[in-house]
Amino acid sequence: MVLVGVAGCGGTDTDEAEAMAQRAREVASAWDGSPAAAAWREGYHPLAEAVELPRGGWRSRRDAQAYAERALVLRGTLPVVRREEGRVVWAAGKGETVRPMRDARETYKALSGGTMTGRPQLNVTGVRLGEMTVTTSRGAAVVPAWLFQLEGYATPLKRAAVVASDLPRSPIAEAENVPGNSLQRVITVDPDGRSLTVEALHGACDGGPAVAVLETRGSVVLSASVRPGKGDRLCTKQGNLKKATVRLKRAIGDRVLLDGKTGRPVGAAT
């Protein structure tokens, strides 16, 4: 994906790095022990996209491309299940809550809608209501999910049916004069909770995104910047989204995952 009009061709020098580190400390200090952090831990907040691919992942690059481009085609009808709420149950006795549910049609629309003329596509041959496990701000949770059976796959594509809680208001304002970029979203969280894949912005001719980490007892602050490019070249004013891996010293647990630039929780795109 390309975002036009976002510059980002330089690197992060020592002064900029220190400014970002100071901002991260301020964000952590504002959140740790705050009512906002307590609200975060009480809600249902998926840390990554609440989607589970068929077991073993995509069989080919064409199928992966079709999924990325939302080229799903329904070969049949969607079920009508008259359920307005679903239970979210956390593992290890961490409690449960009830959240509003999306119906099959709304969930299918979130996965589909791409342009399919002359492109690879995934055929949906059946849809049913089931369950899946989602990594959340309170650990793993079992939630209702819509299961989409795909032609050629033995196991379904799953997407959570329940709606996430509203994000609490940040106790610190967004930084206006601090270098760096805001993170776009968290894509995946490894099962051990110590490795995250995030989507970050970088420029057309820099060395790619870099993500610094500040860990405290109550929060993890991620500060995105770009690596220096090689040589002197003319840069165009555009930005690219790229995946970056973030490794933590210990599992994320119920610590609040925060964006250093905005001061707000970062998680799955909604």
C-alpha atoms as a PDB file:
ATOM      1  CA  MET A   1       0.000   0.000   0.000  1.00  0.00           C
ATOM      2  CA  VAL A   2       1.314   3.472  -0.839  1.00  0.00           C
ATOM      3  CA  LEU A   3       0.332   6.705   0.858  1.00  0.00           C
ATOM      4  CA  VAL A   4       0.999   9.746  -1.307  1.00  0.00           C
ATOM      5  CA  GLY A   5       2.060  13.036   0.243  1.00  0.00           C
ATOM      6  CA  VAL A   6       3.987  11.694   3.228  1.00  0.00           C
ATOM      7  CA  ALA A   7       7.646  12.589   3.294  1.00  0.00           C
ATOM      8  CA  GLY A   8      10.156  10.347   4.964  1.00  0.00           C
ATOM      9  CA  CYS A   9      13.533  10.102   3.292  1.00  0.00           C
ATOM     10  CA  GLY A  10      15.893  10.790   6.165  1.00  0.00           C
ATOM     11  CA  GLY A  11      17.081   8.870   9.186  1.00  0.00           C
ATOM     12  CA  THR A  12      16.895   9.397  12.929  1.00  0.00           C
ATOM     13  CA  ASP A  13      19.875  11.278  14.423  1.00  0.00           C
ATOM     14  CA  THR A  14      20.921  11.302  18.078  1.00  0.00           C
ATOM     15  CA  ASP A  15      18.895  14.389  19.057  1.00  0.00           C
ATOM     16  CA  GLU A  16      15.764  13.031  17.387  1.00  0.00           C
ATOM     17  CA  ALA A  17      16.232   9.631  19.020  1.00  0.00           C
ATOM     18  CA  GLU A  18      16.512  11.243  22.453  1.00  0.00           C
ATOM     19  CA  ALA A  19      13.414  13.363  21.818  1.00  0.00           C
ATOM     20  CA  MET A  20      11.479  10.223  20.885  1.00  0.00           C
ATOM     21  CA  ALA A  21      12.795   8.375  23.942  1.00  0.00           C
ATOM     22  CA  GLN A  22      11.752  11.251  26.206  1.00  0.00           C
ATOM     23  CA  ARG A  23       8.302  11.277  24.618  1.00  0.00           C
ATOM     24  CA  ALA A  24       7.998   7.510  25.197  1.00  0.00           C
ATOM     25  CA  ARG A  25       8.823   7.991  28.885  1.00  0.00           C
ATOM     26  CA  GLU A  26       6.168  10.714  29.152  1.00  0.00           C
ATOM     27  CA  VAL A  27       3.560   8.486  27.501  1.00  0.00           C
ATOM     28  CA  ALA A  28       4.371   5.585  29.813  1.00  0.00           C
ATOM     29  CA  SER A  29       4.268   7.834  32.882  1.00  0.00           C
ATOM     30  CA  ALA A  30       0.868   9.248  31.884  1.00  0.00           C
ATOM     31  CA  TRP A  31      -0.672   5.809  31.310  1.00  0.00           C
ATOM     32  CA  ASP A  32       0.860   3.681  34.073  1.00  0.00           C
ATOM     33  CA  GLY A  33      -1.619   3.441  36.943  1.00  0.00           C
ATOM     34  CA  SER A  34      -4.148   5.735  35.234  1.00  0.00           C
ATOM     35  CA  PRO A  35      -7.947   5.255  35.034  1.00  0.00           C
ATOM     36  CA  ALA A  36      -7.470   4.901  31.260  1.00  0.00           C
ATOM     37  CA  ALA A  37      -5.164   1.925  31.784  1.00  0.00           C
ATOM     38  CA  ALA A  38      -7.684   0.346  34.152  1.00  0.00           C
ATOM     39  CA  ALA A  39     -10.434   0.804  31.556  1.00  0.00           C
ATOM     40  CA  TRP A  40      -8.201  -0.749  28.889  1.00  0.00           C
ATOM     41  CA  ARG A  41      -7.706  -3.861  31.015  1.00  0.00           C
ATOM     42  CA  GLU A  42     -11.421  -4.220  31.707  1.00  0.00           C
ATOM     43  CA  GLY A  43     -12.510  -4.038  28.061  1.00  0.00           C
ATOM     44  CA  TYR A  44     -12.341  -6.344  25.062  1.00  0.00           C
ATOM     45  CA  HIS A  45      -9.480  -5.007  22.935  1.00  0.00           C
ATOM     46  CA  PRO A  46      -7.962  -7.314  20.289  1.00  0.00           C
ATOM     47  CA  LEU A  47      -4.253  -6.551  19.957  1.00  0.00           C
ATOM     48  CA  ALA A  48      -4.135  -7.750  16.354  1.00  0.00           C
ATOM     49  CA  GLU A  49      -6.631  -8.321  13.585  1.00  0.00           C
ATOM     50  CA  ALA A  50      -9.202 -10.824  14.884  1.00  0.00           C
ATOM     51  CA  VAL A  51      -8.842 -13.121  11.873  1.00  0.00           C
ATOM     52  CA  GLU A  52      -7.566 -16.690  11.694  1.00  0.00           C
ATOM     53  CA  LEU A  53      -6.393 -18.003   8.334  1.00  0.00           C
ATOM     54  CA  PRO A  54      -7.078 -21.595   7.241  1.00  0.00           C
ATOM     55  CA  ARG A  55      -4.737 -24.062   8.961  1.00  0.00           C
ATOM     56  CA  GLY A  56      -1.344 -23.965   7.271  1.00  0.00           C
ATOM     57  CA  GLY A  57      -1.992 -20.561   5.704  1.00  0.00           C
ATOM     58  CA  TRP A  58      -2.554 -19.801   2.050  1.00  0.00           C
ATOM     59  CA  ARG A  59      -1.690 -22.490  -0.501  1.00  0.00           C
ATOM     60  CA  SER A  60      -0.315 -20.056  -3.067  1.00  0.00           C
ATOM     61  CA  ARG A  61       0.692 -16.466  -3.673  1.00  0.00           C
ATOM     62  CA  ARG A  62      -2.432 -16.047  -5.775  1.00  0.00           C
ATOM     63  CA  ASP A  63      -4.653 -16.953  -2.822  1.00  0.00           C
ATOM     64  CA  ALA A  64      -2.664 -14.657  -0.522  1.00  0.00           C
ATOM     65  CA  GLN A  65      -3.070 -11.853  -3.063  1.00  0.00           C
ATOM     66  CA  ALA A  66      -6.807 -12.509  -3.345  1.00  0.00           C
ATOM     67  CA  TYR A  67      -7.196 -12.270   0.436  1.00  0.00           C
ATOM     68  CA  ALA A  68      -5.087  -9.094   0.669  1.00  0.00           C
ATOM     69  CA  GLU A  69      -7.162  -7.501  -2.094  1.00  0.00           C
ATOM     70  CA  ARG A  70     -10.457  -8.640  -0.514  1.00  0.00           C
ATOM     71  CA  ALA A  71     -11.335 -10.647  -3.608  1.00  0.00           C
ATOM     72  CA  LEU A  72     -13.798 -13.043  -1.968  1.00  0.00           C
ATOM     73  CA  VAL A  73     -16.783 -14.328  -3.932  1.00  0.00           C
ATOM     74  CA  LEU A  74     -19.841 -15.767  -2.185  1.00  0.00           C
ATOM     75  CA  ARG A  75     -21.097 -18.960  -3.841  1.00  0.00           C
ATOM     76  CA  GLY A  76     -24.312 -19.373  -1.887  1.00  0.00           C
ATOM     77  CA  THR A  77     -26.249 -17.523   0.803  1.00  0.00           C
ATOM     78  CA  LEU A  78     -25.316 -16.050   4.152  1.00  0.00           C
ATOM     79  CA  PRO A  79     -26.982 -17.480   7.270  1.00  0.00           C
ATOM     80  CA  VAL A  80     -29.397 -15.393   9.317  1.00  0.00           C
ATOM     81  CA  VAL A  81     -28.634 -15.878  13.015  1.00  0.00           C
ATOM     82  CA  ARG A  82     -30.702 -13.700  15.332  1.00  0.00           C
ATOM     83  CA  ARG A  83     -28.102 -13.113  18.001  1.00  0.00           C
ATOM     84  CA  GLU A  84     -27.376  -9.544  19.029  1.00  0.00           C
ATOM     85  CA  GLU A  85     -24.741 -10.293  21.681  1.00  0.00           C
ATOM     86  CA  GLY A  86     -21.930 -12.775  22.169  1.00  0.00           C
ATOM     87  CA  ARG A  87     -19.828 -13.868  25.132  1.00  0.00           C
ATOM     88  CA  VAL A  88     -16.111 -13.146  25.364  1.00  0.00           C
ATOM     89  CA  VAL A  89     -14.443 -15.633  27.727  1.00  0.00           C
ATOM     90  CA  TRP A  90     -10.842 -15.119  28.809  1.00  0.00           C
ATOM     91  CA  ALA A  91      -8.502 -18.000  29.537  1.00  0.00           C
ATOM     92  CA  ALA A  92      -7.179 -18.900  32.989  1.00  0.00           C
ATOM     93  CA  GLY A  93     -10.281 -17.620  34.761  1.00  0.00           C
ATOM     94  CA  LYS A  94      -9.691 -13.970  33.817  1.00  0.00           C
ATOM     95  CA  GLY A  95     -13.415 -13.382  33.492  1.00  0.00           C
ATOM     96  CA  GLU A  96     -15.908 -12.838  30.718  1.00  0.00           C
ATOM     97  CA  THR A  97     -18.024 -10.095  29.198  1.00  0.00           C
ATOM     98  CA  VAL A  98     -20.818  -9.667  26.677  1.00  0.00           C
ATOM     99  CA  ARG A  99     -20.315  -7.643  23.500  1.00  0.00           C
ATOM    100  CA  PRO A 100     -22.535  -6.707  20.525  1.00  0.00           C
ATOM    101  CA  MET A 101     -22.227  -9.050  17.543  1.00  0.00           C
ATOM    102  CA  ARG A 102     -21.851  -8.386  13.830  1.00  0.00           C
ATOM    103  CA  ASP A 103     -24.043 -10.527  11.620  1.00  0.00           C
ATOM    104  CA  ALA A 104     -22.705 -12.711   8.809  1.00  0.00           C
ATOM    105  CA  ARG A 105     -23.393 -10.107   6.126  1.00  0.00           C
ATOM    106  CA  GLU A 106     -21.519  -7.309   7.907  1.00  0.00           C
ATOM    107  CA  THR A 107     -18.589  -9.621   8.615  1.00  0.00           C
ATOM    108  CA  TYR A 108     -18.466 -10.828   5.014  1.00  0.00           C
ATOM    109  CA  LYS A 109     -18.447  -7.215   3.778  1.00  0.00           C
ATOM    110  CA  ALA A 110     -15.402  -6.520   5.956  1.00  0.00           C
ATOM    111  CA  LEU A 111     -13.513  -9.356   4.246  1.00  0.00           C
ATOM    112  CA  SER A 112     -14.708  -8.769   0.683  1.00  0.00           C
ATOM    113  CA  GLY A 113     -15.500  -5.887  -1.650  1.00  0.00           C
ATOM    114  CA  GLY A 114     -12.291  -5.774  -3.659  1.00  0.00           C
ATOM    115  CA  THR A 115     -12.017  -5.476  -7.436  1.00  0.00           C
ATOM    116  CA  MET A 116     -12.024  -8.955  -8.958  1.00  0.00           C
ATOM    117  CA  THR A 117     -11.932  -8.400 -12.724  1.00  0.00           C
ATOM    118  CA  GLY A 118      -9.040 -10.465 -14.080  1.00  0.00           C
ATOM    119  CA  ARG A 119      -7.618 -11.036 -10.596  1.00  0.00           C
ATOM    120  CA  PRO A 120      -7.240 -14.091  -8.339  1.00  0.00           C
ATOM    121  CA  GLN A 121     -10.227 -14.747  -6.103  1.00  0.00           C
ATOM    122  CA  LEU A 122     -11.300 -16.928  -3.184  1.00  0.00           C
ATOM    123  CA  ASN A 123     -14.644 -18.695  -3.450  1.00  0.00           C
ATOM    124  CA  VAL A 124     -16.703 -18.864  -0.244  1.00  0.00           C
ATOM    125  CA  THR A 125     -18.749 -22.069  -0.336  1.00  0.00           C
ATOM    126  CA  GLY A 126     -20.325 -21.897   3.122  1.00  0.00           C
ATOM    127  CA  VAL A 127     -20.641 -19.749   6.244  1.00  0.00           C
ATOM    128  CA  ARG A 128     -21.505 -20.764   9.803  1.00  0.00           C
ATOM    129  CA  LEU A 129     -21.226 -19.405  13.336  1.00  0.00           C
ATOM    130  CA  GLY A 130     -18.503 -20.876  15.518  1.00  0.00           C
ATOM    131  CA  GLU A 131     -15.691 -19.769  17.825  1.00  0.00           C
ATOM    132  CA  MET A 132     -12.075 -18.668  17.666  1.00  0.00           C
ATOM    133  CA  THR A 133      -9.322 -17.581  20.054  1.00  0.00           C
ATOM    134  CA  VAL A 134      -8.245 -13.928  19.922  1.00  0.00           C
ATOM    135  CA  THR A 135      -5.200 -12.267  21.520  1.00  0.00           C
ATOM    136  CA  THR A 136      -6.513  -9.330  23.553  1.00  0.00           C
ATOM    137  CA  SER A 137      -5.375  -6.761  26.094  1.00  0.00           C
ATOM    138  CA  ARG A 138      -6.252  -9.301  28.806  1.00  0.00           C
ATOM    139  CA  GLY A 139      -4.679 -12.312  27.155  1.00  0.00           C
ATOM    140  CA  ALA A 140      -6.263 -15.024  25.032  1.00  0.00           C
ATOM    141  CA  ALA A 141     -10.064 -15.035  24.790  1.00  0.00           C
ATOM    142  CA  VAL A 142     -12.565 -17.345  23.114  1.00  0.00           C
ATOM    143  CA  VAL A 143     -15.136 -15.349  21.138  1.00  0.00           C
ATOM    144  CA  PRO A 144     -17.964 -16.043  18.677  1.00  0.00           C
ATOM    145  CA  ALA A 145     -16.701 -16.008  15.093  1.00  0.00           C
ATOM    146  CA  TRP A 146     -17.995 -16.389  11.580  1.00  0.00           C
ATOM    147  CA  LEU A 147     -16.369 -19.317   9.802  1.00  0.00           C
ATOM    148  CA  PHE A 148     -16.027 -18.977   6.025  1.00  0.00           C
ATOM    149  CA  GLN A 149     -15.442 -22.229   4.179  1.00  0.00           C
ATOM    150  CA  LEU A 150     -13.233 -21.634   1.131  1.00  0.00           C
ATOM    151  CA  GLU A 151     -13.043 -23.736  -2.003  1.00  0.00           C
ATOM    152  CA  GLY A 152      -9.950 -25.956  -1.863  1.00  0.00           C
ATOM    153  CA  TYR A 153      -9.364 -25.597   1.895  1.00  0.00           C
ATOM    154  CA  ALA A 154     -10.110 -28.167   4.589  1.00  0.00           C
ATOM    155  CA  THR A 155     -10.425 -25.608   7.393  1.00  0.00           C
ATOM    156  CA  PRO A 156     -12.248 -22.246   7.352  1.00  0.00           C
ATOM    157  CA  LEU A 157     -11.191 -18.629   7.373  1.00  0.00           C
ATOM    158  CA  LYS A 158     -12.389 -17.208  10.703  1.00  0.00           C
ATOM    159  CA  ARG A 159     -13.267 -13.650  11.698  1.00  0.00           C
ATOM    160  CA  ALA A 160     -14.435 -12.565  15.139  1.00  0.00           C
ATOM    161  CA  ALA A 161     -18.118 -11.651  15.275  1.00  0.00           C
ATOM    162  CA  VAL A 162     -18.050  -9.541  18.441  1.00  0.00           C
ATOM    163  CA  VAL A 163     -17.373  -5.799  18.424  1.00  0.00           C
ATOM    164  CA  ALA A 164     -14.374  -4.433  20.331  1.00  0.00           C
ATOM    165  CA  SER A 165     -14.854  -2.074  23.278  1.00  0.00           C
ATOM    166  CA  ASP A 166     -14.401   1.654  22.733  1.00  0.00           C
ATOM    167  CA  LEU A 167     -10.852   2.819  23.393  1.00  0.00           C
ATOM    168  CA  PRO A 168     -10.389   4.820  26.603  1.00  0.00           C
ATOM    169  CA  ARG A 169      -9.458   8.474  26.225  1.00  0.00           C
ATOM    170  CA  SER A 170      -5.707   8.950  26.382  1.00  0.00           C
ATOM    171  CA  PRO A 171      -4.385  10.820  29.450  1.00  0.00           C
ATOM    172  CA  ILE A 172      -1.740  12.482  27.252  1.00  0.00           C
ATOM    173  CA  ALA A 173      -2.193  14.557  24.097  1.00  0.00           C
ATOM    174  CA  GLU A 174      -0.698  13.675  20.726  1.00  0.00           C
ATOM    175  CA  ALA A 175       2.825  15.032  20.221  1.00  0.00           C
ATOM    176  CA  GLU A 176       3.037  17.804  17.629  1.00  0.00           C
ATOM    177  CA  ASN A 177       6.748  18.654  17.663  1.00  0.00           C
ATOM    178  CA  VAL A 178       8.320  15.255  18.286  1.00  0.00           C
ATOM    179  CA  PRO A 179       9.998  13.437  15.381  1.00  0.00           C
ATOM    180  CA  GLY A 180       8.924  10.020  14.195  1.00  0.00           C
ATOM    181  CA  ASN A 181       5.750   8.517  12.784  1.00  0.00           C
ATOM    182  CA  SER A 182       2.637   6.991  14.253  1.00  0.00           C
ATOM    183  CA  LEU A 183       2.159   3.252  13.860  1.00  0.00           C
ATOM    184  CA  GLN A 184      -0.612   2.109  11.546  1.00  0.00           C
ATOM    185  CA  ARG A 185      -1.667  -1.125  13.255  1.00  0.00           C
ATOM    186  CA  VAL A 186      -0.591  -4.382  14.849  1.00  0.00           C
ATOM    187  CA  ILE A 187      -0.864  -7.259  12.382  1.00  0.00           C
ATOM    188  CA  THR A 188       0.005 -10.273  14.544  1.00  0.00           C
ATOM    189  CA  VAL A 189       1.054 -11.140  18.084  1.00  0.00           C
ATOM    190  CA  ASP A 190       3.018 -14.365  18.539  1.00  0.00           C
ATOM    191  CA  PRO A 191       1.436 -16.926  20.902  1.00  0.00           C
ATOM    192  CA  ASP A 192       4.143 -16.301  23.517  1.00  0.00           C
ATOM    193  CA  GLY A 193       3.291 -12.579  23.554  1.00  0.00           C
ATOM    194  CA  ARG A 194       6.927 -11.546  23.111  1.00  0.00           C
ATOM    195  CA  SER A 195       6.976 -10.757  19.408  1.00  0.00           C
ATOM    196  CA  LEU A 196       4.697  -8.385  17.487  1.00  0.00           C
ATOM    197  CA  THR A 197       4.405  -7.652  13.788  1.00  0.00           C
ATOM    198  CA  VAL A 198       3.381  -4.051  13.206  1.00  0.00           C
ATOM    199  CA  GLU A 199       2.743  -1.919  10.136  1.00  0.00           C
ATOM    200  CA  ALA A 200       4.819   1.249  10.010  1.00  0.00           C
ATOM    201  CA  LEU A 201       5.319   4.112   7.584  1.00  0.00           C
ATOM    202  CA  HIS A 202       8.583   4.904   5.800  1.00  0.00           C
ATOM    203  CA  GLY A 203       9.703   7.015   2.861  1.00  0.00           C
ATOM    204  CA  ALA A 204      10.546   6.222  -0.732  1.00  0.00           C
ATOM    205  CA  CYS A 205      14.338   6.167  -0.339  1.00  0.00           C
ATOM    206  CA  ASP A 206      15.148   5.642   3.333  1.00  0.00           C
ATOM    207  CA  GLY A 207      16.328   2.371   4.878  1.00  0.00           C
ATOM    208  CA  GLY A 208      12.886   1.230   5.989  1.00  0.00           C
ATOM    209  CA  PRO A 209      10.961   1.568   9.259  1.00  0.00           C
ATOM    210  CA  ALA A 210      12.480   1.219  12.713  1.00  0.00           C
ATOM    211  CA  VAL A 211      10.493   0.751  15.917  1.00  0.00           C
ATOM    212  CA  ALA A 212      11.997   1.531  19.333  1.00  0.00           C
ATOM    213  CA  VAL A 213      10.483  -0.083  22.427  1.00  0.00           C
ATOM    214  CA  LEU A 214      10.100   1.200  25.986  1.00  0.00           C
ATOM    215  CA  GLU A 215       8.829  -1.430  28.424  1.00  0.00           C
ATOM    216  CA  THR A 216       7.514  -0.675  31.908  1.00  0.00           C
ATOM    217  CA  ARG A 217       5.524  -2.765  34.369  1.00  0.00           C
ATOM    218  CA  GLY A 218       2.269  -1.317  33.075  1.00  0.00           C
ATOM    219  CA  SER A 219       2.862  -0.449  29.429  1.00  0.00           C
ATOM    220  CA  VAL A 220       4.819  -1.000  26.232  1.00  0.00           C
ATOM    221  CA  VAL A 221       5.450   2.149  24.186  1.00  0.00           C
ATOM    222  CA  LEU A 222       6.365   1.764  20.504  1.00  0.00           C
ATOM    223  CA  SER A 223       8.081   4.688  18.758  1.00  0.00           C
ATOM    224  CA  ALA A 224       8.285   4.456  14.965  1.00  0.00           C
ATOM    225  CA  SER A 225      10.903   6.184  12.820  1.00  0.00           C
ATOM    226  CA  VAL A 226      12.878   5.412   9.648  1.00  0.00           C
ATOM    227  CA  ARG A 227      16.384   4.062   9.098  1.00  0.00           C
ATOM    228  CA  PRO A 228      18.899   6.192   7.163  1.00  0.00           C
ATOM    229  CA  GLY A 229      19.015   5.643   3.416  1.00  0.00           C
ATOM    230  CA  LYS A 230      22.163   4.945   1.409  1.00  0.00           C
ATOM    231  CA  GLY A 231      23.734   7.782  -0.554  1.00  0.00           C
ATOM    232  CA  ASP A 232      22.252  11.072  -1.705  1.00  0.00           C
ATOM    233  CA  ARG A 233      19.286  10.756  -4.006  1.00  0.00           C
ATOM    234  CA  LEU A 234      16.268  12.786  -4.891  1.00  0.00           C
ATOM    235  CA  CYS A 235      13.313  11.657  -2.768  1.00  0.00           C
ATOM    236  CA  THR A 236       9.708  11.747  -3.867  1.00  0.00           C
ATOM    237  CA  LYS A 237       7.013  12.859  -1.420  1.00  0.00           C
ATOM    238  CA  GLN A 238       5.364   9.555  -0.707  1.00  0.00           C
ATOM    239  CA  GLY A 239       5.238   7.014   2.053  1.00  0.00           C
ATOM    240  CA  ASN A 240       5.005   3.244   2.058  1.00  0.00           C
ATOM    241  CA  LEU A 241       3.542   0.905   4.638  1.00  0.00           C
ATOM    242  CA  LYS A 242       5.842  -1.945   5.624  1.00  0.00           C
ATOM    243  CA  LYS A 243       5.828  -4.673   8.246  1.00  0.00           C
ATOM    244  CA  ALA A 244       8.304  -4.512  11.121  1.00  0.00           C
ATOM    245  CA  THR A 245       8.950  -7.068  13.860  1.00  0.00           C
ATOM    246  CA  VAL A 246       9.106  -5.902  17.475  1.00  0.00           C
ATOM    247  CA  ARG A 247      10.567  -8.190  20.147  1.00  0.00           C
ATOM    248  CA  LEU A 248       9.839  -7.650  23.832  1.00  0.00           C
ATOM    249  CA  LYS A 249      11.875  -8.602  26.885  1.00  0.00           C
ATOM    250  CA  ARG A 250       8.817 -10.299  28.358  1.00  0.00           C
ATOM    251  CA  ALA A 251       5.310 -11.164  27.221  1.00  0.00           C
ATOM    252  CA  ILE A 252       2.957  -8.252  26.627  1.00  0.00           C
ATOM    253  CA  GLY A 253       0.458  -9.715  29.126  1.00  0.00           C
ATOM    254  CA  ASP A 254      -2.073  -7.103  30.215  1.00  0.00           C
ATOM    255  CA  ARG A 255       0.278  -4.179  29.698  1.00  0.00           C
ATOM    256  CA  VAL A 256      -1.129  -1.348  27.583  1.00  0.00           C
ATOM    257  CA  LEU A 257       0.383  -1.283  24.084  1.00  0.00           C
ATOM    258  CA  LEU A 258       0.891   2.379  23.160  1.00  0.00           C
ATOM    259  CA  ASP A 259       1.977   4.477  20.199  1.00  0.00           C
ATOM    260  CA  GLY A 260       4.642   6.961  21.255  1.00  0.00           C
ATOM    261  CA  LYS A 261       3.603   9.583  18.706  1.00  0.00           C
ATOM    262  CA  THR A 262      -0.135   9.697  19.409  1.00  0.00           C
ATOM    263  CA  GLY A 263      -0.072   8.571  23.040  1.00  0.00           C
ATOM    264  CA  ARG A 264      -2.989   6.252  22.279  1.00  0.00           C
ATOM    265  CA  PRO A 265      -3.351   2.460  22.419  1.00  0.00           C
ATOM    266  CA  VAL A 266      -2.320   0.700  19.247  1.00  0.00           C
ATOM    267  CA  GLY A 267      -3.884  -2.533  18.076  1.00  0.00           C
ATOM    268  CA  ALA A 268      -5.817  -3.907  15.165  1.00  0.00           C
ATOM    269  CA  ALA A 269      -7.222  -1.614  12.534  1.00  0.00           C
ATOM    270  CA  THR A 270     -11.001  -1.460  12.754  1.00  0.00           C
END
